[in-house]
């Protein structure tokens, strides 16, 4: 029996690729863009970039809209909330560990005086 892919798995898989993260950064910083403009940022064939955009669309991280003959891509940040929620317990874990380390180092400074 094949495992069912959870929506967050598709998001994490999309984010695992540096090209896709760069596409998301470009869309976040520069707004909606046609595929031709996005392609200008990468040293790859346009069909390769289209595969990356497809993975981002399937993960719900970008949307595509046709305007005449162009396809405009736009960042869809809502699915990133799932990533944030998943990472939140780890952030708390590390914050507590680092606070403990800081407290230990501070007490060592006091002992050395």
PDB file of N, CA and C in Angstrom:
ATOM      1  N   UNK A   1       0.836  -1.176   0.000  1.00  0.00           N
ATOM      2  CA  UNK A   1       0.000   0.000   0.000  1.00  0.00           C
ATOM      3  C   UNK A   1       0.887   1.247   0.000  1.00  0.00           C
ATOM      4  N   UNK A   2       0.668   2.162  -0.916  1.00  0.00           N
ATOM      5  CA  UNK A   2       1.462   3.384  -1.036  1.00  0.00           C
ATOM      6  C   UNK A   2       1.061   4.377   0.042  1.00  0.00           C
ATOM      7  N   UNK A   3       2.073   5.053   0.565  1.00  0.00           N
ATOM      8  CA  UNK A   3       1.812   6.075   1.573  1.00  0.00           C
ATOM      9  C   UNK A   3       1.187   7.297   0.914  1.00  0.00           C
ATOM     10  N   UNK A   4       0.246   7.909   1.592  1.00  0.00           N
ATOM     11  CA  UNK A   4      -0.393   9.126   1.105  1.00  0.00           C
ATOM     12  C   UNK A   4       0.497  10.298   1.507  1.00  0.00           C
ATOM     13  N   UNK A   5       0.808  11.146   0.532  1.00  0.00           N
ATOM     14  CA  UNK A   5       1.661  12.298   0.800  1.00  0.00           C
ATOM     15  C   UNK A   5       0.856  13.386   1.493  1.00  0.00           C
ATOM     16  N   UNK A   6       1.327  13.808   2.651  1.00  0.00           N
ATOM     17  CA  UNK A   6       0.671  14.888   3.383  1.00  0.00           C
ATOM     18  C   UNK A   6       0.988  16.216   2.694  1.00  0.00           C
ATOM     19  N   UNK A   7       0.078  17.182   2.785  1.00  0.00           N
ATOM     20  CA  UNK A   7       0.330  18.484   2.135  1.00  0.00           C
ATOM     21  C   UNK A   7       1.650  19.121   2.589  1.00  0.00           C
ATOM     22  N   UNK A   8       1.981  18.990   3.871  1.00  0.00           N
ATOM     23  CA  UNK A   8       3.229  19.607   4.340  1.00  0.00           C
ATOM     24  C   UNK A   8       4.451  18.909   3.741  1.00  0.00           C
ATOM     25  N   UNK A   9       4.332  17.618   3.394  1.00  0.00           N
ATOM     26  CA  UNK A   9       5.448  16.929   2.741  1.00  0.00           C
ATOM     27  C   UNK A   9       5.745  17.555   1.386  1.00  0.00           C
ATOM     28  N   UNK A  10       4.710  17.905   0.651  1.00  0.00           N
ATOM     29  CA  UNK A  10       4.889  18.543  -0.660  1.00  0.00           C
ATOM     30  C   UNK A  10       5.533  19.920  -0.485  1.00  0.00           C
ATOM     31  N   UNK A  11       5.136  20.636   0.551  1.00  0.00           N
ATOM     32  CA  UNK A  11       5.715  21.959   0.817  1.00  0.00           C
ATOM     33  C   UNK A  11       7.193  21.828   1.161  1.00  0.00           C
ATOM     34  N   UNK A  12       7.519  20.904   2.082  1.00  0.00           N
ATOM     35  CA  UNK A  12       8.923  20.713   2.455  1.00  0.00           C
ATOM     36  C   UNK A  12       9.756  20.251   1.264  1.00  0.00           C
ATOM     37  N   UNK A  13       9.208  19.369   0.428  1.00  0.00           N
ATOM     38  CA  UNK A  13       9.933  18.911  -0.757  1.00  0.00           C
ATOM     39  C   UNK A  13      10.208  20.084  -1.694  1.00  0.00           C
ATOM     40  N   UNK A  14       9.238  20.963  -1.855  1.00  0.00           N
ATOM     41  CA  UNK A  14       9.429  22.137  -2.716  1.00  0.00           C
ATOM     42  C   UNK A  14      10.495  23.060  -2.136  1.00  0.00           C
ATOM     43  N   UNK A  15      10.483  23.246  -0.829  1.00  0.00           N
ATOM     44  CA  UNK A  15      11.436  24.147  -0.183  1.00  0.00           C
ATOM     45  C   UNK A  15      12.843  23.563  -0.102  1.00  0.00           C
ATOM     46  N   UNK A  16      12.974  22.264  -0.304  1.00  0.00           N
ATOM     47  CA  UNK A  16      14.287  21.625  -0.203  1.00  0.00           C
ATOM     48  C   UNK A  16      15.225  22.028  -1.337  1.00  0.00           C
ATOM     49  N   UNK A  17      14.693  22.533  -2.425  1.00  0.00           N
ATOM     50  CA  UNK A  17      15.498  22.869  -3.583  1.00  0.00           C
ATOM     51  C   UNK A  17      15.885  24.350  -3.569  1.00  0.00           C
ATOM     52  N   UNK A  18      17.183  24.661  -3.723  1.00  0.00           N
ATOM     53  CA  UNK A  18      17.620  26.070  -3.667  1.00  0.00           C
ATOM     54  C   UNK A  18      17.057  26.934  -4.795  1.00  0.00           C
ATOM     55  N   UNK A  19      16.839  26.368  -5.969  1.00  0.00           N
ATOM     56  CA  UNK A  19      16.256  27.150  -7.069  1.00  0.00           C
ATOM     57  C   UNK A  19      14.843  27.578  -6.689  1.00  0.00           C
ATOM     58  N   UNK A  20      14.085  26.665  -6.111  1.00  0.00           N
ATOM     59  CA  UNK A  20      12.708  26.989  -5.726  1.00  0.00           C
ATOM     60  C   UNK A  20      12.677  28.020  -4.615  1.00  0.00           C
ATOM     61  N   UNK A  21      13.597  27.911  -3.659  1.00  0.00           N
ATOM     62  CA  UNK A  21      13.650  28.929  -2.600  1.00  0.00           C
ATOM     63  C   UNK A  21      13.983  30.296  -3.185  1.00  0.00           C
ATOM     64  N   UNK A  22      14.871  30.322  -4.187  1.00  0.00           N
ATOM     65  CA  UNK A  22      15.228  31.593  -4.824  1.00  0.00           C
ATOM     66  C   UNK A  22      14.035  32.162  -5.599  1.00  0.00           C
ATOM     67  N   UNK A  23      13.264  31.317  -6.268  1.00  0.00           N
ATOM     68  CA  UNK A  23      12.062  31.780  -6.958  1.00  0.00           C
ATOM     69  C   UNK A  23      11.114  32.421  -5.951  1.00  0.00           C
ATOM     70  N   UNK A  24      10.920  31.766  -4.804  1.00  0.00           N
ATOM     71  CA  UNK A  24      10.034  32.326  -3.774  1.00  0.00           C
ATOM     72  C   UNK A  24      10.559  33.658  -3.269  1.00  0.00           C
ATOM     73  N   UNK A  25      11.881  33.756  -3.082  1.00  0.00           N
ATOM     74  CA  UNK A  25      12.470  35.017  -2.628  1.00  0.00           C
ATOM     75  C   UNK A  25      12.227  36.117  -3.651  1.00  0.00           C
ATOM     76  N   UNK A  26      12.444  35.817  -4.921  1.00  0.00           N
ATOM     77  CA  UNK A  26      12.225  36.810  -5.981  1.00  0.00           C
ATOM     78  C   UNK A  26      10.775  37.277  -6.009  1.00  0.00           C
ATOM     79  N   UNK A  27       9.851  36.344  -5.887  1.00  0.00           N
ATOM     80  CA  UNK A  27       8.438  36.717  -5.897  1.00  0.00           C
ATOM     81  C   UNK A  27       8.068  37.513  -4.643  1.00  0.00           C
ATOM     82  N   UNK A  28       8.672  37.177  -3.520  1.00  0.00           N
ATOM     83  CA  UNK A  28       8.404  37.928  -2.284  1.00  0.00           C
ATOM     84  C   UNK A  28       8.926  39.354  -2.388  1.00  0.00           C
ATOM     85  N   UNK A  29      10.131  39.507  -2.900  1.00  0.00           N
ATOM     86  CA  UNK A  29      10.774  40.825  -2.932  1.00  0.00           C
ATOM     87  C   UNK A  29      10.344  41.688  -4.116  1.00  0.00           C
ATOM     88  N   UNK A  30      10.032  41.060  -5.253  1.00  0.00           N
ATOM     89  CA  UNK A  30       9.763  41.833  -6.461  1.00  0.00           C
ATOM     90  C   UNK A  30       8.329  41.703  -6.957  1.00  0.00           C
ATOM     91  N   UNK A  31       7.504  40.917  -6.280  1.00  0.00           N
ATOM     92  CA  UNK A  31       6.114  40.768  -6.673  1.00  0.00           C
ATOM     93  C   UNK A  31       5.931  39.807  -7.838  1.00  0.00           C
ATOM     94  N   UNK A  32       4.709  39.772  -8.337  1.00  0.00           N
ATOM     95  CA  UNK A  32       4.364  38.872  -9.445  1.00  0.00           C
ATOM     96  C   UNK A  32       5.272  39.121 -10.634  1.00  0.00           C
ATOM     97  N   UNK A  33       5.629  38.027 -11.315  1.00  0.00           N
ATOM     98  CA  UNK A  33       6.537  38.146 -12.452  1.00  0.00           C
ATOM     99  C   UNK A  33       6.168  37.139 -13.529  1.00  0.00           C
ATOM    100  N   UNK A  34       6.410  37.512 -14.794  1.00  0.00           N
ATOM    101  CA  UNK A  34       6.235  36.529 -15.864  1.00  0.00           C
ATOM    102  C   UNK A  34       7.387  35.524 -15.834  1.00  0.00           C
ATOM    103  N   UNK A  35       7.133  34.361 -16.366  1.00  0.00           N
ATOM    104  CA  UNK A  35       8.135  33.302 -16.347  1.00  0.00           C
ATOM    105  C   UNK A  35       9.419  33.744 -17.047  1.00  0.00           C
ATOM    106  N   UNK A  36       9.319  34.566 -18.093  1.00  0.00           N
ATOM    107  CA  UNK A  36      10.511  35.024 -18.808  1.00  0.00           C
ATOM    108  C   UNK A  36      11.429  35.826 -17.884  1.00  0.00           C
ATOM    109  N   UNK A  37      10.838  36.673 -17.070  1.00  0.00           N
ATOM    110  CA  UNK A  37      11.642  37.491 -16.148  1.00  0.00           C
ATOM    111  C   UNK A  37      12.277  36.619 -15.070  1.00  0.00           C
ATOM    112  N   UNK A  38      11.519  35.667 -14.549  1.00  0.00           N
ATOM    113  CA  UNK A  38      12.084  34.740 -13.566  1.00  0.00           C
ATOM    114  C   UNK A  38      13.233  33.953 -14.175  1.00  0.00           C
ATOM    115  N   UNK A  39      13.049  33.494 -15.401  1.00  0.00           N
ATOM    116  CA  UNK A  39      14.074  32.691 -16.064  1.00  0.00           C
ATOM    117  C   UNK A  39      15.384  33.458 -16.210  1.00  0.00           C
ATOM    118  N   UNK A  40      15.303  34.772 -16.343  1.00  0.00           N
ATOM    119  CA  UNK A  40      16.504  35.586 -16.480  1.00  0.00           C
ATOM    120  C   UNK A  40      17.419  35.550 -15.261  1.00  0.00           C
ATOM    121  N   UNK A  41      16.909  35.098 -14.137  1.00  0.00           N
ATOM    122  CA  UNK A  41      17.703  35.023 -12.906  1.00  0.00           C
ATOM    123  C   UNK A  41      18.466  33.708 -12.781  1.00  0.00           C
ATOM    124  N   UNK A  42      18.236  32.768 -13.683  1.00  0.00           N
ATOM    125  CA  UNK A  42      18.798  31.431 -13.542  1.00  0.00           C
ATOM    126  C   UNK A  42      19.535  31.013 -14.808  1.00  0.00           C
ATOM    127  N   UNK A  43      20.588  30.247 -14.609  1.00  0.00           N
ATOM    128  CA  UNK A  43      21.359  29.706 -15.717  1.00  0.00           C
ATOM    129  C   UNK A  43      20.871  28.289 -15.998  1.00  0.00           C
ATOM    130  N   UNK A  44      19.663  28.215 -16.555  1.00  0.00           N
ATOM    131  CA  UNK A  44      19.079  26.909 -16.888  1.00  0.00           C
ATOM    132  C   UNK A  44      18.091  27.092 -18.021  1.00  0.00           C
ATOM    133  N   UNK A  45      17.789  26.004 -18.674  1.00  0.00           N
ATOM    134  CA  UNK A  45      16.808  26.046 -19.758  1.00  0.00           C
ATOM    135  C   UNK A  45      15.432  26.336 -19.172  1.00  0.00           C
ATOM    136  N   UNK A  46      14.624  27.024 -19.937  1.00  0.00           N
ATOM    137  CA  UNK A  46      13.291  27.395 -19.465  1.00  0.00           C
ATOM    138  C   UNK A  46      12.425  26.191 -19.090  1.00  0.00           C
ATOM    139  N   UNK A  47      12.507  25.064 -19.806  1.00  0.00           N
ATOM    140  CA  UNK A  47      11.728  23.899 -19.378  1.00  0.00           C
ATOM    141  C   UNK A  47      12.124  23.410 -17.976  1.00  0.00           C
ATOM    142  N   UNK A  48      13.391  23.552 -17.632  1.00  0.00           N
ATOM    143  CA  UNK A  48      13.832  23.163 -16.280  1.00  0.00           C
ATOM    144  C   UNK A  48      13.198  24.072 -15.232  1.00  0.00           C
ATOM    145  N   UNK A  49      13.184  25.377 -15.501  1.00  0.00           N
ATOM    146  CA  UNK A  49      12.544  26.309 -14.573  1.00  0.00           C
ATOM    147  C   UNK A  49      11.050  26.011 -14.487  1.00  0.00           C
ATOM    148  N   UNK A  50      10.440  25.655 -15.599  1.00  0.00           N
ATOM    149  CA  UNK A  50       9.008  25.320 -15.598  1.00  0.00           C
ATOM    150  C   UNK A  50       8.721  24.142 -14.672  1.00  0.00           C
ATOM    151  N   UNK A  51       9.631  23.184 -14.604  1.00  0.00           N
ATOM    152  CA  UNK A  51       9.457  22.050 -13.688  1.00  0.00           C
ATOM    153  C   UNK A  51       9.494  22.516 -12.235  1.00  0.00           C
ATOM    154  N   UNK A  52      10.386  23.450 -11.938  1.00  0.00           N
ATOM    155  CA  UNK A  52      10.455  24.011 -10.581  1.00  0.00           C
ATOM    156  C   UNK A  52       9.171  24.769 -10.257  1.00  0.00           C
ATOM    157  N   UNK A  53       8.687  25.546 -11.210  1.00  0.00           N
ATOM    158  CA  UNK A  53       7.445  26.294 -10.994  1.00  0.00           C
ATOM    159  C   UNK A  53       6.262  25.348 -10.807  1.00  0.00           C
ATOM    160  N   UNK A  54       6.261  24.251 -11.524  1.00  0.00           N
ATOM    161  CA  UNK A  54       5.202  23.253 -11.370  1.00  0.00           C
ATOM    162  C   UNK A  54       5.212  22.678  -9.961  1.00  0.00           C
ATOM    163  N   UNK A  55       6.396  22.355  -9.444  1.00  0.00           N
ATOM    164  CA  UNK A  55       6.497  21.818  -8.082  1.00  0.00           C
ATOM    165  C   UNK A  55       6.003  22.847  -7.066  1.00  0.00           C
ATOM    166  N   UNK A  56       6.338  24.112  -7.279  1.00  0.00           N
ATOM    167  CA  UNK A  56       5.881  25.171  -6.379  1.00  0.00           C
ATOM    168  C   UNK A  56       4.365  25.353  -6.461  1.00  0.00           C
ATOM    169  N   UNK A  57       3.809  25.247  -7.672  1.00  0.00           N
ATOM    170  CA  UNK A  57       2.345  25.335  -7.842  1.00  0.00           C
ATOM    171  C   UNK A  57       1.655  24.177  -7.133  1.00  0.00           C
ATOM    172  N   UNK A  58       2.177  22.967  -7.329  1.00  0.00           N
ATOM    173  CA  UNK A  58       1.564  21.786  -6.714  1.00  0.00           C
ATOM    174  C   UNK A  58       1.635  21.830  -5.192  1.00  0.00           C
ATOM    175  N   UNK A  59       2.640  22.513  -4.659  1.00  0.00           N
ATOM    176  CA  UNK A  59       2.752  22.682  -3.209  1.00  0.00           C
ATOM    177  C   UNK A  59       1.892  23.837  -2.713  1.00  0.00           C
ATOM    178  N   UNK A  60       1.303  24.593  -3.645  1.00  0.00           N
ATOM    179  CA  UNK A  60       0.460  25.727  -3.275  1.00  0.00           C
ATOM    180  C   UNK A  60       1.240  26.975  -2.917  1.00  0.00           C
ATOM    181  N   UNK A  61       2.543  26.990  -3.235  1.00  0.00           N
ATOM    182  CA  UNK A  61       3.395  28.116  -2.861  1.00  0.00           C
ATOM    183  C   UNK A  61       3.409  29.242  -3.887  1.00  0.00           C
ATOM    184  N   UNK A  62       3.004  28.948  -5.105  1.00  0.00           N
ATOM    185  CA  UNK A  62       2.849  29.988  -6.125  1.00  0.00           C
ATOM    186  C   UNK A  62       1.547  29.740  -6.871  1.00  0.00           C
ATOM    187  N   UNK A  63       1.020  30.794  -7.446  1.00  0.00           N
ATOM    188  CA  UNK A  63      -0.136  30.664  -8.327  1.00  0.00           C
ATOM    189  C   UNK A  63       0.266  31.213  -9.687  1.00  0.00           C
ATOM    190  N   UNK A  64      -0.445  30.765 -10.690  1.00  0.00           N
ATOM    191  CA  UNK A  64      -0.164  31.165 -12.066  1.00  0.00           C
ATOM    192  C   UNK A  64      -1.422  31.809 -12.648  1.00  0.00           C
ATOM    193  N   UNK A  65      -1.202  32.906 -13.353  1.00  0.00           N
ATOM    194  CA  UNK A  65      -2.331  33.592 -13.988  1.00  0.00           C
ATOM    195  C   UNK A  65      -1.907  33.981 -15.387  1.00  0.00           C
ATOM    196  N   UNK A  66      -2.768  33.717 -16.328  1.00  0.00           N
ATOM    197  CA  UNK A  66      -2.484  34.090 -17.720  1.00  0.00           C
ATOM    198  C   UNK A  66      -2.925  35.528 -17.969  1.00  0.00           C
ATOM    199  N   UNK A  67      -2.027  36.295 -18.564  1.00  0.00           N
ATOM    200  CA  UNK A  67      -2.325  37.661 -18.993  1.00  0.00           C
ATOM    201  C   UNK A  67      -1.857  37.735 -20.439  1.00  0.00           C
ATOM    202  N   UNK A  68      -2.815  37.659 -21.346  1.00  0.00           N
ATOM    203  CA  UNK A  68      -2.457  37.586 -22.765  1.00  0.00           C
ATOM    204  C   UNK A  68      -1.686  36.301 -23.016  1.00  0.00           C
ATOM    205  N   UNK A  69      -0.495  36.441 -23.564  1.00  0.00           N
ATOM    206  CA  UNK A  69       0.337  35.270 -23.843  1.00  0.00           C
ATOM    207  C   UNK A  69       1.306  34.956 -22.718  1.00  0.00           C
ATOM    208  N   UNK A  70       1.326  35.781 -21.704  1.00  0.00           N
ATOM    209  CA  UNK A  70       2.257  35.583 -20.586  1.00  0.00           C
ATOM    210  C   UNK A  70       1.605  34.819 -19.442  1.00  0.00           C
ATOM    211  N   UNK A  71       2.447  34.143 -18.689  1.00  0.00           N
ATOM    212  CA  UNK A  71       2.015  33.521 -17.442  1.00  0.00           C
ATOM    213  C   UNK A  71       2.705  34.270 -16.310  1.00  0.00           C
ATOM    214  N   UNK A  72       1.903  34.858 -15.447  1.00  0.00           N
ATOM    215  CA  UNK A  72       2.439  35.574 -14.288  1.00  0.00           C
ATOM    216  C   UNK A  72       2.406  34.649 -13.082  1.00  0.00           C
ATOM    217  N   UNK A  73       3.498  34.636 -12.344  1.00  0.00           N
ATOM    218  CA  UNK A  73       3.582  33.826 -11.129  1.00  0.00           C
ATOM    219  C   UNK A  73       3.571  34.744  -9.921  1.00  0.00           C
ATOM    220  N   UNK A  74       2.847  34.301  -8.895  1.00  0.00           N
ATOM    221  CA  UNK A  74       2.693  35.090  -7.672  1.00  0.00           C
ATOM    222  C   UNK A  74       2.930  34.190  -6.466  1.00  0.00           C
ATOM    223  N   UNK A  75       3.583  34.728  -5.461  1.00  0.00           N
ATOM    224  CA  UNK A  75       3.820  34.010  -4.216  1.00  0.00           C
ATOM    225  C   UNK A  75       2.505  33.808  -3.482  1.00  0.00           C
ATOM    226  N   UNK A  76       2.304  32.612  -2.996  1.00  0.00           N
ATOM    227  CA  UNK A  76       1.169  32.279  -2.133  1.00  0.00           C
ATOM    228  C   UNK A  76       1.770  31.832  -0.799  1.00  0.00           C
ATOM    229  N   UNK A  77       1.840  32.732   0.163  1.00  0.00           N
ATOM    230  CA  UNK A  77       2.576  32.481   1.393  1.00  0.00           C
ATOM    231  C   UNK A  77       1.795  31.697   2.448  1.00  0.00           C
ATOM    232  N   UNK A  78       0.490  31.564   2.310  1.00  0.00           N
ATOM    233  CA  UNK A  78      -0.316  30.898   3.338  1.00  0.00           C
ATOM    234  C   UNK A  78       0.191  29.492   3.672  1.00  0.00           C
ATOM    235  N   UNK A  79       0.566  28.662   2.687  1.00  0.00           N
ATOM    236  CA  UNK A  79       1.063  27.327   3.046  1.00  0.00           C
ATOM    237  C   UNK A  79       2.322  27.349   3.917  1.00  0.00           C
ATOM    238  N   UNK A  80       3.047  28.455   3.886  1.00  0.00           N
ATOM    239  CA  UNK A  80       4.232  28.550   4.734  1.00  0.00           C
ATOM    240  C   UNK A  80       3.868  28.585   6.216  1.00  0.00           C
ATOM    241  N   UNK A  81       2.604  28.909   6.533  1.00  0.00           N
ATOM    242  CA  UNK A  81       2.153  28.841   7.926  1.00  0.00           C
ATOM    243  C   UNK A  81       2.257  27.423   8.464  1.00  0.00           C
ATOM    244  N   UNK A  82       1.996  26.416   7.612  1.00  0.00           N
ATOM    245  CA  UNK A  82       2.136  25.019   8.028  1.00  0.00           C
ATOM    246  C   UNK A  82       3.570  24.710   8.401  1.00  0.00           C
ATOM    247  N   UNK A  83       4.515  25.242   7.630  1.00  0.00           N
ATOM    248  CA  UNK A  83       5.932  25.048   7.928  1.00  0.00           C
ATOM    249  C   UNK A  83       6.261  25.708   9.261  1.00  0.00           C
ATOM    250  N   UNK A  84       5.778  26.930   9.449  1.00  0.00           N
ATOM    251  CA  UNK A  84       6.007  27.667  10.694  1.00  0.00           C
ATOM    252  C   UNK A  84       5.464  26.884  11.890  1.00  0.00           C
ATOM    253  N   UNK A  85       4.255  26.355  11.752  1.00  0.00           N
ATOM    254  CA  UNK A  85       3.656  25.588  12.843  1.00  0.00           C
ATOM    255  C   UNK A  85       4.455  24.329  13.138  1.00  0.00           C
ATOM    256  N   UNK A  86       4.970  23.676  12.114  1.00  0.00           N
ATOM    257  CA  UNK A  86       5.748  22.461  12.299  1.00  0.00           C
ATOM    258  C   UNK A  86       7.091  22.773  12.967  1.00  0.00           C
ATOM    259  N   UNK A  87       7.702  23.895  12.583  1.00  0.00           N
ATOM    260  CA  UNK A  87       9.007  24.273  13.122  1.00  0.00           C
ATOM    261  C   UNK A  87       8.942  24.887  14.517  1.00  0.00           C
ATOM    262  N   UNK A  88       7.800  25.418  14.892  1.00  0.00           N
ATOM    263  CA  UNK A  88       7.660  26.138  16.149  1.00  0.00           C
ATOM    264  C   UNK A  88       8.128  25.345  17.372  1.00  0.00           C
ATOM    265  N   UNK A  89       7.753  24.081  17.536  1.00  0.00           N
ATOM    266  CA  UNK A  89       8.247  23.341  18.706  1.00  0.00           C
ATOM    267  C   UNK A  89       9.769  23.199  18.716  1.00  0.00           C
ATOM    268  N   UNK A  90      10.383  23.103  17.545  1.00  0.00           N
ATOM    269  CA  UNK A  90      11.838  22.994  17.470  1.00  0.00           C
ATOM    270  C   UNK A  90      12.496  24.314  17.853  1.00  0.00           C
ATOM    271  N   UNK A  91      11.870  25.399  17.446  1.00  0.00           N
ATOM    272  CA  UNK A  91      12.383  26.717  17.819  1.00  0.00           C
ATOM    273  C   UNK A  91      12.349  26.889  19.336  1.00  0.00           C
ATOM    274  N   UNK A  92      11.236  26.491  19.936  1.00  0.00           N
ATOM    275  CA  UNK A  92      11.137  26.567  21.400  1.00  0.00           C
ATOM    276  C   UNK A  92      12.191  25.677  22.065  1.00  0.00           C
ATOM    277  N   UNK A  93      12.384  24.474  21.540  1.00  0.00           N
ATOM    278  CA  UNK A  93      13.378  23.545  22.070  1.00  0.00           C
ATOM    279  C   UNK A  93      14.757  24.191  22.086  1.00  0.00           C
ATOM    280  N   UNK A  94      15.169  24.749  20.937  1.00  0.00           N
ATOM    281  CA  UNK A  94      16.495  25.339  20.846  1.00  0.00           C
ATOM    282  C   UNK A  94      16.613  26.620  21.664  1.00  0.00           C
ATOM    283  N   UNK A  95      15.549  27.385  21.754  1.00  0.00           N
ATOM    284  CA  UNK A  95      15.577  28.593  22.577  1.00  0.00           C
ATOM    285  C   UNK A  95      15.826  28.217  24.040  1.00  0.00           C
ATOM    286  N   UNK A  96      15.136  27.171  24.513  1.00  0.00           N
ATOM    287  CA  UNK A  96      15.331  26.717  25.891  1.00  0.00           C
ATOM    288  C   UNK A  96      16.755  26.216  26.108  1.00  0.00           C
ATOM    289  N   UNK A  97      17.290  25.457  25.149  1.00  0.00           N
ATOM    290  CA  UNK A  97      18.667  24.949  25.269  1.00  0.00           C
ATOM    291  C   UNK A  97      19.672  26.094  25.301  1.00  0.00           C
ATOM    292  N   UNK A  98      19.480  27.082  24.436  1.00  0.00           N
ATOM    293  CA  UNK A  98      20.419  28.206  24.394  1.00  0.00           C
ATOM    294  C   UNK A  98      20.296  29.089  25.627  1.00  0.00           C
ATOM    295  N   UNK A  99      19.087  29.211  26.152  1.00  0.00           N
ATOM    296  CA  UNK A  99      18.912  29.955  27.404  1.00  0.00           C
ATOM    297  C   UNK A  99      19.645  29.241  28.526  1.00  0.00           C
ATOM    298  N   UNK A 100      19.534  27.919  28.565  1.00  0.00           N
ATOM    299  CA  UNK A 100      20.256  27.138  29.571  1.00  0.00           C
ATOM    300  C   UNK A 100      21.759  27.298  29.433  1.00  0.00           C
ATOM    301  N   UNK A 101      22.259  27.305  28.206  1.00  0.00           N
ATOM    302  CA  UNK A 101      23.692  27.497  27.977  1.00  0.00           C
ATOM    303  C   UNK A 101      24.120  28.886  28.421  1.00  0.00           C
ATOM    304  N   UNK A 102      23.314  29.889  28.103  1.00  0.00           N
ATOM    305  CA  UNK A 102      23.639  31.259  28.522  1.00  0.00           C
ATOM    306  C   UNK A 102      23.706  31.346  30.041  1.00  0.00           C
ATOM    307  N   UNK A 103      22.710  30.740  30.714  1.00  0.00           N
ATOM    308  CA  UNK A 103      22.693  30.772  32.171  1.00  0.00           C
ATOM    309  C   UNK A 103      23.923  30.076  32.747  1.00  0.00           C
ATOM    310  N   UNK A 104      24.314  28.945  32.155  1.00  0.00           N
ATOM    311  CA  UNK A 104      25.505  28.227  32.618  1.00  0.00           C
ATOM    312  C   UNK A 104      26.752  29.074  32.426  1.00  0.00           C
ATOM    313  N   UNK A 105      26.895  29.692  31.265  1.00  0.00           N
ATOM    314  CA  UNK A 105      28.061  30.528  31.000  1.00  0.00           C
ATOM    315  C   UNK A 105      28.084  31.751  31.912  1.00  0.00           C
ATOM    316  N   UNK A 106      26.911  32.336  32.170  1.00  0.00           N
ATOM    317  CA  UNK A 106      26.851  33.477  33.086  1.00  0.00           C
ATOM    318  C   UNK A 106      27.281  33.060  34.489  1.00  0.00           C
ATOM    319  N   UNK A 107      26.873  31.889  34.941  1.00  0.00           N
ATOM    320  CA  UNK A 107      27.251  31.443  36.283  1.00  0.00           C
ATOM    321  C   UNK A 107      28.732  31.113  36.339  1.00  0.00           C
ATOM    322  N   UNK A 108      29.320  30.655  35.255  1.00  0.00           N
ATOM    323  CA  UNK A 108      30.745  30.376  35.215  1.00  0.00           C
ATOM    324  C   UNK A 108      31.532  31.663  35.312  1.00  0.00           C
ATOM    325  N   UNK A 109      31.051  32.726  34.683  1.00  0.00           N
ATOM    326  CA  UNK A 109      31.692  34.039  34.777  1.00  0.00           C
ATOM    327  C   UNK A 109      31.704  34.506  36.229  1.00  0.00           C
ATOM    328  N   UNK A 110      30.574  34.301  36.939  1.00  0.00           N
ATOM    329  CA  UNK A 110      30.466  34.703  38.334  1.00  0.00           C
ATOM    330  C   UNK A 110      31.426  33.897  39.200  1.00  0.00           C
ATOM    331  N   UNK A 111      31.581  32.619  38.914  1.00  0.00           N
ATOM    332  CA  UNK A 111      32.482  31.745  39.688  1.00  0.00           C
ATOM    333  C   UNK A 111      33.939  32.106  39.465  1.00  0.00           C
ATOM    334  N   UNK A 112      34.272  32.581  38.278  1.00  0.00           N
ATOM    335  CA  UNK A 112      35.668  32.924  37.939  1.00  0.00           C
ATOM    336  C   UNK A 112      36.104  34.215  38.595  1.00  0.00           C
ATOM    337  N   UNK A 113      35.165  35.051  38.994  1.00  0.00           N
ATOM    338  CA  UNK A 113      35.513  36.363  39.569  1.00  0.00           C
ATOM    339  C   UNK A 113      36.036  36.268  40.959  1.00  0.00           C
TER     340      UNK A 113
END
